[in-house]
Amino acid sequence: MLLLVITTVIWAFSFSLIGEYLAGQVDSWFSALIRVSLATLVFLPFLRWRTLNLRIIFLYMTVGAIQLGFMYLFSFRAYLYLSVAEFLLFTVMTPLYVTLIHDLLKRQPLKWGYASSAVLAVLGALVIRYDRLNEDFWFGLLLVQAANICFAIGQVGYKRLMEIHPIPQHNAFAWFYLGALIVTFVAWCAFGNLEKLPTTTMEWGILAWLGIIASGLGYFMWNYGATQTDAGTLGIMNNLHIPAGLLVNFVLWQAQPDWIRFIIGAGLIVVSLWVHVRWVIPRP
C-alpha cells in the first residue's frame, strides 16, 4: 500500500507537466518514445535471459507493451483534446476495469463486493470533476478509456504473471520496458513529426523526469505494490491520483477546484478504500 501511495504522489505531477508544457508543443509519439526509452535504460542493467524460457520473456514483454507502450500512445494523444482536469475525470473507470479484468483472467465470477467498492471510488472521482465538457468530449473520452483499459490489463496481467511465473521483479521490469519500447518506437517511426521535437531545456527536463522518475521508478513501485495487495484495493488506489493531481494543478498553476465537491469526492474515495479493506477483503 505504501508503494502505491508514494507512486500516486509522484504521478500527481505528471498530469500537469504534460498538459502544461508538452501537449501540443512536443510530438506526442516522440514524448511516449523518450519516456519509455529512459525507463528502459534504468532497468537495462538488470536484464537476464539465461534462466528464462522464451515464453515467459514474451509474456512480460507483452504486459509492458500493453500497460506502458499502448497506454502512453493513447494518453499522450488524449492531451491534445482535453484539459488536465478533463483527462483526470475520464480516468475514473479504471478501478472497474481492474476488478473486471482480474476476475476475467482468473476465470472466476465477478466479486460484487470488489465491484461495489470500486464503484464508490468512481463516484468520488466523478463528484470532484463533474463539470461542463468541451466539444472534443467523445474523442478524448475514447482515447482515455483506451489508455485506462491498457493500464488495467497491464496491472492485473503483471500481478497474475508474478503469481504463476514469478521471477525477480527487477529482471521482469527490464523485459517489461523492452516490450513497451518496441511499441513506442514503431509508432514514432510510423507517425512521428520531426518538426515538433523538444526545443527548450524545460521540455527536455520534463521528459527526463517523466522517463526516469515517473516511469522508470514509478511503474516499478506501482506494479511491485500491486503484487502485494488485492485487486479491489488496487482498483481503488487507481483513483487517488485524481484528487492528488488536482491539488498539484492548484498549487502550481492556481487551477482552483470546487473545494466542496473536492472534499466530498476525495472523502468518498478514502471511504471506499476503508470499506474495502475493513469489510470486503476476506479475513484469514
Protein backbone atom coordinates (compact mmCIF):
# COMPACT_ATOMS: atom_id res chain seq x y z
CA MET A 1 0.00 0.00 0.00
CA LEU A 2 2.82 2.43 0.89
CA LEU A 3 4.43 1.98 -2.52
CA LEU A 4 1.10 2.71 -4.22
CA VAL A 5 0.69 5.91 -2.20
CA ILE A 6 4.25 7.11 -2.94
CA THR A 7 3.77 6.43 -6.65
CA THR A 8 0.44 8.29 -6.62
CA VAL A 9 2.21 11.37 -5.26
CA ILE A 10 4.91 11.13 -7.96
CA TRP A 11 2.37 10.68 -10.73
CA ALA A 12 0.24 13.57 -9.49
CA PHE A 13 2.81 15.94 -11.02
CA SER A 14 2.89 14.13 -14.38
CA PHE A 15 -0.60 15.15 -15.48
CA SER A 16 0.00 18.88 -15.09
CA LEU A 17 3.54 18.79 -16.51
CA ILE A 18 2.37 17.01 -19.66
CA GLY A 19 -0.72 19.16 -20.07
CA GLU A 20 1.02 22.49 -19.44
CA TYR A 21 4.39 22.01 -21.15
CA LEU A 22 4.30 19.13 -23.65
CA ALA A 23 0.78 18.74 -25.09
CA GLY A 24 0.52 20.45 -28.46
CA GLN A 25 4.16 21.57 -28.37
CA VAL A 26 6.15 18.31 -28.44
CA ASP A 27 5.22 15.44 -30.76
CA SER A 28 3.14 13.02 -28.67
CA TRP A 29 4.69 9.94 -30.31
CA PHE A 30 8.17 11.25 -29.51
CA SER A 31 7.17 12.03 -25.91
CA ALA A 32 5.96 8.47 -25.42
CA LEU A 33 9.13 7.05 -27.01
CA ILE A 34 11.54 9.13 -24.89
CA ARG A 35 9.64 8.41 -21.69
CA VAL A 36 9.76 4.65 -22.30
CA SER A 37 13.36 4.74 -23.58
CA LEU A 38 14.64 6.40 -20.40
CA ALA A 39 12.67 3.99 -18.23
CA THR A 40 14.18 1.09 -20.18
CA LEU A 41 17.71 2.43 -19.59
CA VAL A 42 17.06 2.49 -15.84
CA PHE A 43 16.40 -1.27 -15.78
CA LEU A 44 18.59 -2.42 -18.67
CA PRO A 45 21.45 -3.41 -16.30
CA PHE A 46 19.09 -5.96 -14.69
CA LEU A 47 18.25 -7.73 -17.96
CA ARG A 48 18.74 -11.51 -17.64
CA TRP A 49 17.72 -14.22 -20.10
CA ARG A 50 19.78 -17.35 -19.45
CA THR A 51 17.45 -18.75 -16.77
CA LEU A 52 14.21 -17.82 -18.55
CA ASN A 53 12.39 -19.53 -21.39
CA LEU A 54 11.18 -17.52 -24.34
CA ARG A 55 7.52 -17.86 -23.41
CA ILE A 56 7.98 -16.13 -20.04
CA ILE A 57 10.08 -13.38 -21.63
CA PHE A 58 7.39 -12.85 -24.27
CA LEU A 59 4.64 -12.64 -21.62
CA TYR A 60 6.42 -9.97 -19.59
CA MET A 61 7.23 -8.01 -22.75
CA THR A 62 3.58 -8.23 -23.81
CA VAL A 63 2.38 -6.89 -20.46
CA GLY A 64 4.82 -3.99 -20.75
CA ALA A 65 3.80 -3.30 -24.34
CA ILE A 66 0.17 -3.01 -23.28
CA GLN A 67 0.49 -1.23 -19.92
CA LEU A 68 3.12 1.31 -20.95
CA GLY A 69 3.51 1.19 -24.72
CA PHE A 70 -0.07 1.41 -25.92
CA MET A 71 -1.25 3.25 -22.81
CA TYR A 72 1.23 6.09 -23.42
CA LEU A 73 0.34 6.30 -27.10
CA PHE A 74 -3.34 6.78 -26.23
CA SER A 75 -2.83 9.06 -23.23
CA PHE A 76 -0.34 11.48 -24.86
CA ARG A 77 -2.74 11.89 -27.81
CA ALA A 78 -5.63 12.49 -25.43
CA TYR A 79 -3.94 15.60 -24.02
CA LEU A 80 -4.34 17.22 -27.44
CA TYR A 81 -8.11 17.20 -26.96
CA LEU A 82 -8.55 17.53 -23.19
CA SER A 83 -7.58 19.80 -20.36
CA VAL A 84 -5.71 18.28 -17.42
CA ALA A 85 -8.88 18.31 -15.33
CA GLU A 86 -10.91 16.58 -18.04
CA PHE A 87 -8.19 13.98 -18.52
CA LEU A 88 -8.30 13.24 -14.80
CA LEU A 89 -12.10 13.00 -14.91
CA PHE A 90 -12.05 10.42 -17.68
CA THR A 91 -9.78 8.07 -15.71
CA VAL A 92 -12.49 7.32 -13.16
CA MET A 93 -13.45 3.99 -14.73
CA THR A 94 -10.03 2.40 -14.18
CA PRO A 95 -10.99 0.71 -10.86
CA LEU A 96 -13.86 -1.10 -12.58
CA TYR A 97 -11.59 -2.22 -15.39
CA VAL A 98 -9.09 -3.58 -12.86
CA THR A 99 -11.64 -5.65 -10.96
CA LEU A 100 -13.38 -6.93 -14.10
CA ILE A 101 -10.14 -7.88 -15.87
CA HIS A 102 -8.80 -9.54 -12.73
CA ASP A 103 -11.84 -11.81 -12.49
CA LEU A 104 -11.74 -12.47 -16.23
CA LEU A 105 -8.09 -13.56 -16.15
CA LYS A 106 -8.70 -15.85 -13.19
CA ARG A 107 -11.86 -17.22 -14.87
CA GLN A 108 -13.98 -16.63 -11.83
CA PRO A 109 -17.35 -14.95 -11.22
CA LEU A 110 -17.34 -11.21 -10.62
CA LYS A 111 -16.86 -10.35 -6.93
CA TRP A 112 -19.66 -7.89 -6.35
CA GLY A 113 -18.04 -6.62 -3.15
CA TYR A 114 -14.94 -5.64 -5.13
CA ALA A 115 -17.05 -4.02 -7.84
CA SER A 116 -19.15 -2.13 -5.29
CA SER A 117 -16.15 -0.59 -3.54
CA ALA A 118 -14.70 0.32 -6.94
CA VAL A 119 -17.99 1.99 -7.92
CA LEU A 120 -17.84 4.06 -4.73
CA ALA A 121 -14.36 5.22 -5.69
CA VAL A 122 -15.62 6.10 -9.18
CA LEU A 123 -18.47 8.13 -7.69
CA GLY A 124 -15.98 10.03 -5.55
CA ALA A 125 -13.90 10.94 -8.57
CA LEU A 126 -16.99 11.99 -10.53
CA VAL A 127 -18.11 14.27 -7.69
CA ILE A 128 -14.75 16.04 -7.83
CA ARG A 129 -14.63 16.69 -11.55
CA TYR A 130 -18.14 16.55 -12.97
CA ASP A 131 -18.50 19.70 -14.94
CA ARG A 132 -19.10 21.04 -18.43
CA LEU A 133 -17.17 19.20 -21.13
CA ASN A 134 -15.75 20.66 -24.35
CA GLU A 135 -16.59 19.73 -27.91
CA ASP A 136 -13.83 17.12 -28.05
CA PHE A 137 -15.52 15.14 -25.28
CA TRP A 138 -16.24 11.96 -27.20
CA PHE A 139 -12.88 11.54 -28.89
CA GLY A 140 -10.99 12.46 -25.74
CA LEU A 141 -13.17 10.07 -23.77
CA LEU A 142 -12.41 7.19 -26.14
CA LEU A 143 -8.67 7.84 -26.05
CA VAL A 144 -8.54 7.97 -22.26
CA GLN A 145 -10.70 4.88 -21.88
CA ALA A 146 -8.40 3.01 -24.26
CA ALA A 147 -5.46 4.13 -22.12
CA ASN A 148 -7.29 3.12 -18.93
CA ILE A 149 -8.06 -0.35 -20.27
CA CYS A 150 -4.42 -0.84 -21.29
CA PHE A 151 -3.27 0.33 -17.86
CA ALA A 152 -5.70 -2.03 -16.12
CA ILE A 153 -4.74 -5.01 -18.30
CA GLY A 154 -1.07 -4.36 -17.58
CA GLN A 155 -1.51 -4.06 -13.82
CA VAL A 156 -3.60 -7.18 -13.48
CA GLY A 157 -1.56 -9.07 -16.06
CA TYR A 158 1.70 -8.31 -14.23
CA LYS A 159 0.17 -9.30 -10.91
CA ARG A 160 -1.08 -12.56 -12.45
CA LEU A 161 2.28 -13.31 -14.10
CA MET A 162 4.03 -12.89 -10.77
CA GLU A 163 1.64 -15.47 -9.31
CA ILE A 164 2.11 -18.13 -11.99
CA HIS A 165 5.59 -17.34 -13.41
CA PRO A 166 7.43 -15.48 -10.64
CA ILE A 167 10.87 -14.08 -11.45
CA PRO A 168 12.94 -11.33 -9.75
CA GLN A 169 10.95 -8.16 -10.29
CA HIS A 170 13.90 -6.03 -11.39
CA ASN A 171 14.54 -8.63 -14.11
CA ALA A 172 10.86 -8.74 -15.03
CA PHE A 173 10.79 -4.97 -15.46
CA ALA A 174 13.75 -4.98 -17.81
CA TRP A 175 11.70 -7.14 -20.20
CA PHE A 176 8.55 -5.17 -19.33
CA TYR A 177 10.10 -1.92 -20.55
CA LEU A 178 11.62 -3.52 -23.63
CA GLY A 179 8.13 -4.58 -24.72
CA ALA A 180 6.89 -1.02 -24.29
CA LEU A 181 9.92 0.35 -26.12
CA ILE A 182 9.21 -1.73 -29.22
CA VAL A 183 5.62 -0.43 -29.41
CA THR A 184 6.51 3.25 -28.96
CA PHE A 185 9.46 3.04 -31.37
CA VAL A 186 7.31 1.55 -34.14
CA ALA A 187 4.60 4.18 -33.52
CA TRP A 188 7.10 7.05 -33.69
CA CYS A 189 8.67 5.71 -36.89
CA ALA A 190 5.20 5.47 -38.45
CA PHE A 191 3.57 8.69 -37.21
CA GLY A 192 6.23 10.91 -35.62
CA ASN A 193 6.66 14.55 -36.60
CA LEU A 194 10.33 15.61 -36.72
CA GLU A 195 9.28 19.27 -36.75
CA LYS A 196 7.84 19.03 -33.23
CA LEU A 197 10.79 17.74 -31.24
CA PRO A 198 11.62 19.38 -27.87
CA THR A 199 13.32 22.75 -28.27
CA THR A 200 13.75 24.01 -24.71
CA THR A 201 15.62 22.84 -21.62
CA MET A 202 12.30 22.77 -19.78
CA GLU A 203 10.75 20.32 -22.26
CA TRP A 204 13.79 18.02 -22.20
CA GLY A 205 13.90 18.23 -18.41
CA ILE A 206 10.24 17.26 -18.06
CA LEU A 207 10.73 14.31 -20.42
CA ALA A 208 13.75 13.21 -18.36
CA TRP A 209 11.77 13.42 -15.12
CA LEU A 210 8.83 11.57 -16.66
CA GLY A 211 11.05 8.82 -18.05
CA ILE A 212 13.44 8.23 -15.16
CA ILE A 213 11.33 9.02 -12.11
CA ALA A 214 7.63 8.81 -13.03
CA SER A 215 8.04 5.82 -15.37
CA GLY A 216 11.33 4.14 -14.51
CA LEU A 217 10.85 4.14 -10.75
CA GLY A 218 7.12 4.87 -10.59
CA TYR A 219 5.83 1.92 -12.58
CA PHE A 220 8.22 -0.45 -10.85
CA MET A 221 6.94 0.66 -7.43
CA TRP A 222 3.33 0.58 -8.62
CA ASN A 223 3.47 -2.91 -10.10
CA TYR A 224 5.54 -4.20 -7.18
CA GLY A 225 2.93 -2.78 -4.83
CA ALA A 226 0.19 -4.35 -6.98
CA THR A 227 1.64 -7.80 -6.28
CA GLN A 228 1.39 -7.13 -2.54
CA THR A 229 -2.30 -6.21 -2.43
CA ASP A 230 -5.65 -7.49 -3.67
CA ALA A 231 -7.35 -6.44 -6.91
CA GLY A 232 -10.05 -4.40 -5.17
CA THR A 233 -7.61 -2.24 -3.24
CA LEU A 234 -5.51 -1.85 -6.38
CA GLY A 235 -8.56 -0.68 -8.29
CA ILE A 236 -9.46 1.94 -5.70
CA MET A 237 -5.88 3.22 -5.46
CA ASN A 238 -6.09 3.98 -9.19
CA ASN A 239 -8.46 6.85 -8.42
CA LEU A 240 -6.44 8.54 -5.67
CA HIS A 241 -4.40 10.25 -8.39
CA ILE A 242 -7.46 12.40 -9.22
CA PRO A 243 -7.56 14.49 -6.00
CA ALA A 244 -3.74 14.38 -5.88
CA GLY A 245 -3.45 15.61 -9.47
CA LEU A 246 -5.97 18.39 -8.89
CA LEU A 247 -4.10 19.56 -5.78
CA VAL A 248 -0.86 19.79 -7.78
CA ASN A 249 -2.69 21.70 -10.50
CA PHE A 250 -3.96 24.11 -7.85
CA VAL A 251 -0.63 24.62 -6.11
CA LEU A 252 1.48 25.08 -9.24
CA TRP A 253 -0.95 26.79 -11.62
CA GLN A 254 -3.68 28.09 -9.31
CA ALA A 255 -6.29 25.99 -11.13
CA GLN A 256 -8.65 26.24 -8.19
CA PRO A 257 -11.12 23.34 -7.84
CA ASP A 258 -14.61 23.46 -6.40
CA TRP A 259 -13.49 22.83 -2.83
CA ILE A 260 -16.83 21.48 -1.60
CA ARG A 261 -17.01 18.88 -4.36
CA PHE A 262 -13.30 18.19 -3.97
CA ILE A 263 -13.61 17.41 -0.25
CA ILE A 264 -16.75 15.28 -0.72
CA GLY A 265 -15.27 13.37 -3.65
CA ALA A 266 -11.90 12.78 -2.02
CA GLY A 267 -13.73 11.65 1.11
CA LEU A 268 -15.73 9.10 -0.89
CA ILE A 269 -12.53 7.66 -2.37
CA VAL A 270 -10.93 7.33 1.07
CA VAL A 271 -14.13 5.80 2.48
CA SER A 272 -14.28 3.32 -0.41
CA LEU A 273 -10.76 2.18 0.43
CA TRP A 274 -11.59 1.86 4.13
CA VAL A 275 -14.82 -0.06 3.41
CA HIS A 276 -12.97 -2.39 1.07
CA VAL A 277 -10.13 -3.11 3.50
CA ARG A 278 -12.46 -3.37 6.52
CA TRP A 279 -15.42 -5.28 5.10
CA VAL A 280 -14.73 -6.70 1.64
CA ILE A 281 -11.29 -8.34 1.76
CA PRO A 282 -11.69 -11.91 3.10
CA ARG A 283 -10.24 -12.43 6.56
CA PRO A 284 -7.73 -15.25 7.13
